[in-house]
Amino acid sequence: MAWLHLPVRVPSFSPLLPNLTLVSSYIRMLKSPALYSVGVDYREEDGALVQKHADIAHSAAVLLEKWQLIKYERSSG
């Protein structure tokens, strides 16, 4: 029996990656709130943890700027 090999088209996943990353980190933050410093104040005021993600990104950018790996404009984020 001969096998017929047809090309398989896989849709691009790149548009989904940012959302998958956010969902993944959201779940990790809810499962381990102490590890990510997600207190009750974050969960009450920001249920989707959007502000917490922004705070983590800002902290990372500040450290990268300190080590002169990036130029970070704090006013524009």
C-alpha atoms as a PDB file:
ATOM      1  CA  MET A   1       0.000   0.000   0.000  1.00  0.00           C
ATOM      2  CA  ALA A   2       1.430   3.364  -0.990  1.00  0.00           C
ATOM      3  CA  TRP A   3       0.980   6.305   1.337  1.00  0.00           C
ATOM      4  CA  LEU A   4      -0.070   9.599  -0.072  1.00  0.00           C
ATOM      5  CA  HIS A   5       1.671  12.510   1.637  1.00  0.00           C
ATOM      6  CA  LEU A   6      -0.278  15.705   1.414  1.00  0.00           C
ATOM      7  CA  PRO A   7       0.960  19.032   2.743  1.00  0.00           C
ATOM      8  CA  VAL A   8      -0.638  19.989   6.016  1.00  0.00           C
ATOM      9  CA  ARG A   9      -1.459  23.621   6.498  1.00  0.00           C
ATOM     10  CA  VAL A  10      -1.131  24.820  10.042  1.00  0.00           C
ATOM     11  CA  PRO A  11      -2.640  28.199  10.840  1.00  0.00           C
ATOM     12  CA  SER A  12      -0.312  30.773  12.275  1.00  0.00           C
ATOM     13  CA  PHE A  13      -0.295  30.753  16.053  1.00  0.00           C
ATOM     14  CA  SER A  14       1.636  33.986  16.407  1.00  0.00           C
ATOM     15  CA  PRO A  15      -1.483  36.189  16.863  1.00  0.00           C
ATOM     16  CA  LEU A  16      -2.563  33.933  19.729  1.00  0.00           C
ATOM     17  CA  LEU A  17       0.721  33.903  21.643  1.00  0.00           C
ATOM     18  CA  PRO A  18       0.267  37.160  23.585  1.00  0.00           C
ATOM     19  CA  ASN A  19      -3.173  36.015  24.774  1.00  0.00           C
ATOM     20  CA  LEU A  20      -1.915  32.561  25.700  1.00  0.00           C
ATOM     21  CA  THR A  21       0.936  34.129  27.639  1.00  0.00           C
ATOM     22  CA  LEU A  22      -1.448  36.376  29.568  1.00  0.00           C
ATOM     23  CA  VAL A  23      -3.817  33.518  30.329  1.00  0.00           C
ATOM     24  CA  SER A  24      -0.937  31.337  31.473  1.00  0.00           C
ATOM     25  CA  SER A  25       0.496  33.986  33.780  1.00  0.00           C
ATOM     26  CA  TYR A  26      -2.992  34.843  35.085  1.00  0.00           C
ATOM     27  CA  ILE A  27      -3.540  31.216  36.087  1.00  0.00           C
ATOM     28  CA  ARG A  28      -0.092  30.984  37.704  1.00  0.00           C
ATOM     29  CA  MET A  29      -0.764  34.174  39.691  1.00  0.00           C
ATOM     30  CA  LEU A  30      -4.078  32.866  40.969  1.00  0.00           C
ATOM     31  CA  LYS A  31      -2.619  29.473  41.905  1.00  0.00           C
ATOM     32  CA  SER A  32       0.394  30.974  43.707  1.00  0.00           C
ATOM     33  CA  PRO A  33      -0.584  34.487  44.813  1.00  0.00           C
ATOM     34  CA  ALA A  34       2.197  34.718  47.409  1.00  0.00           C
ATOM     35  CA  LEU A  35       4.858  33.943  44.814  1.00  0.00           C
ATOM     36  CA  TYR A  36       3.698  36.792  42.572  1.00  0.00           C
ATOM     37  CA  SER A  37       2.711  39.150  45.423  1.00  0.00           C
ATOM     38  CA  VAL A  38      -0.912  39.175  44.331  1.00  0.00           C
ATOM     39  CA  GLY A  39      -2.671  40.387  47.422  1.00  0.00           C
ATOM     40  CA  VAL A  40      -6.346  40.801  48.082  1.00  0.00           C
ATOM     41  CA  ASP A  41      -6.123  44.442  46.974  1.00  0.00           C
ATOM     42  CA  TYR A  42      -5.140  43.394  43.448  1.00  0.00           C
ATOM     43  CA  ARG A  43      -7.833  40.751  43.191  1.00  0.00           C
ATOM     44  CA  GLU A  44     -10.603  43.023  44.457  1.00  0.00           C
ATOM     45  CA  GLU A  45      -9.781  46.056  42.328  1.00  0.00           C
ATOM     46  CA  ASP A  46      -8.307  44.314  39.271  1.00  0.00           C
ATOM     47  CA  GLY A  47      -9.962  40.930  38.802  1.00  0.00           C
ATOM     48  CA  ALA A  48      -8.200  40.279  35.489  1.00  0.00           C
ATOM     49  CA  LEU A  49      -4.850  41.290  37.059  1.00  0.00           C
ATOM     50  CA  VAL A  50      -4.133  43.706  34.209  1.00  0.00           C
ATOM     51  CA  GLN A  51      -2.506  46.194  36.586  1.00  0.00           C
ATOM     52  CA  LYS A  52      -0.385  43.438  38.142  1.00  0.00           C
ATOM     53  CA  HIS A  53       0.890  42.452  34.680  1.00  0.00           C
ATOM     54  CA  ALA A  54       1.695  46.111  34.005  1.00  0.00           C
ATOM     55  CA  ASP A  55       3.523  46.404  37.342  1.00  0.00           C
ATOM     56  CA  ILE A  56       5.630  43.315  36.579  1.00  0.00           C
ATOM     57  CA  ALA A  57       6.469  44.597  33.090  1.00  0.00           C
ATOM     58  CA  HIS A  58       7.440  48.002  34.520  1.00  0.00           C
ATOM     59  CA  SER A  59       9.653  46.407  37.188  1.00  0.00           C
ATOM     60  CA  ALA A  60      11.368  44.264  34.574  1.00  0.00           C
ATOM     61  CA  ALA A  61      11.949  47.268  32.298  1.00  0.00           C
ATOM     62  CA  VAL A  62      13.423  49.302  35.173  1.00  0.00           C
ATOM     63  CA  LEU A  63      15.886  46.504  35.972  1.00  0.00           C
ATOM     64  CA  LEU A  64      16.856  46.052  32.325  1.00  0.00           C
ATOM     65  CA  GLU A  65      17.450  49.796  32.057  1.00  0.00           C
ATOM     66  CA  LYS A  66      19.540  49.735  35.238  1.00  0.00           C
ATOM     67  CA  TRP A  67      21.758  47.044  33.689  1.00  0.00           C
ATOM     68  CA  GLN A  68      21.926  49.150  30.493  1.00  0.00           C
ATOM     69  CA  LEU A  69      20.272  46.474  28.366  1.00  0.00           C
ATOM     70  CA  ILE A  70      17.440  48.706  27.173  1.00  0.00           C
ATOM     71  CA  LYS A  71      16.419  52.350  27.096  1.00  0.00           C
ATOM     72  CA  TYR A  72      13.145  52.708  28.985  1.00  0.00           C
ATOM     73  CA  GLU A  73      11.005  55.820  28.697  1.00  0.00           C
ATOM     74  CA  ARG A  74       8.920  55.724  31.849  1.00  0.00           C
ATOM     75  CA  SER A  75       6.522  58.379  30.602  1.00  0.00           C
ATOM     76  CA  SER A  76       5.426  56.330  27.587  1.00  0.00           C
ATOM     77  CA  GLY A  77       5.941  52.898  29.118  1.00  0.00           C
END
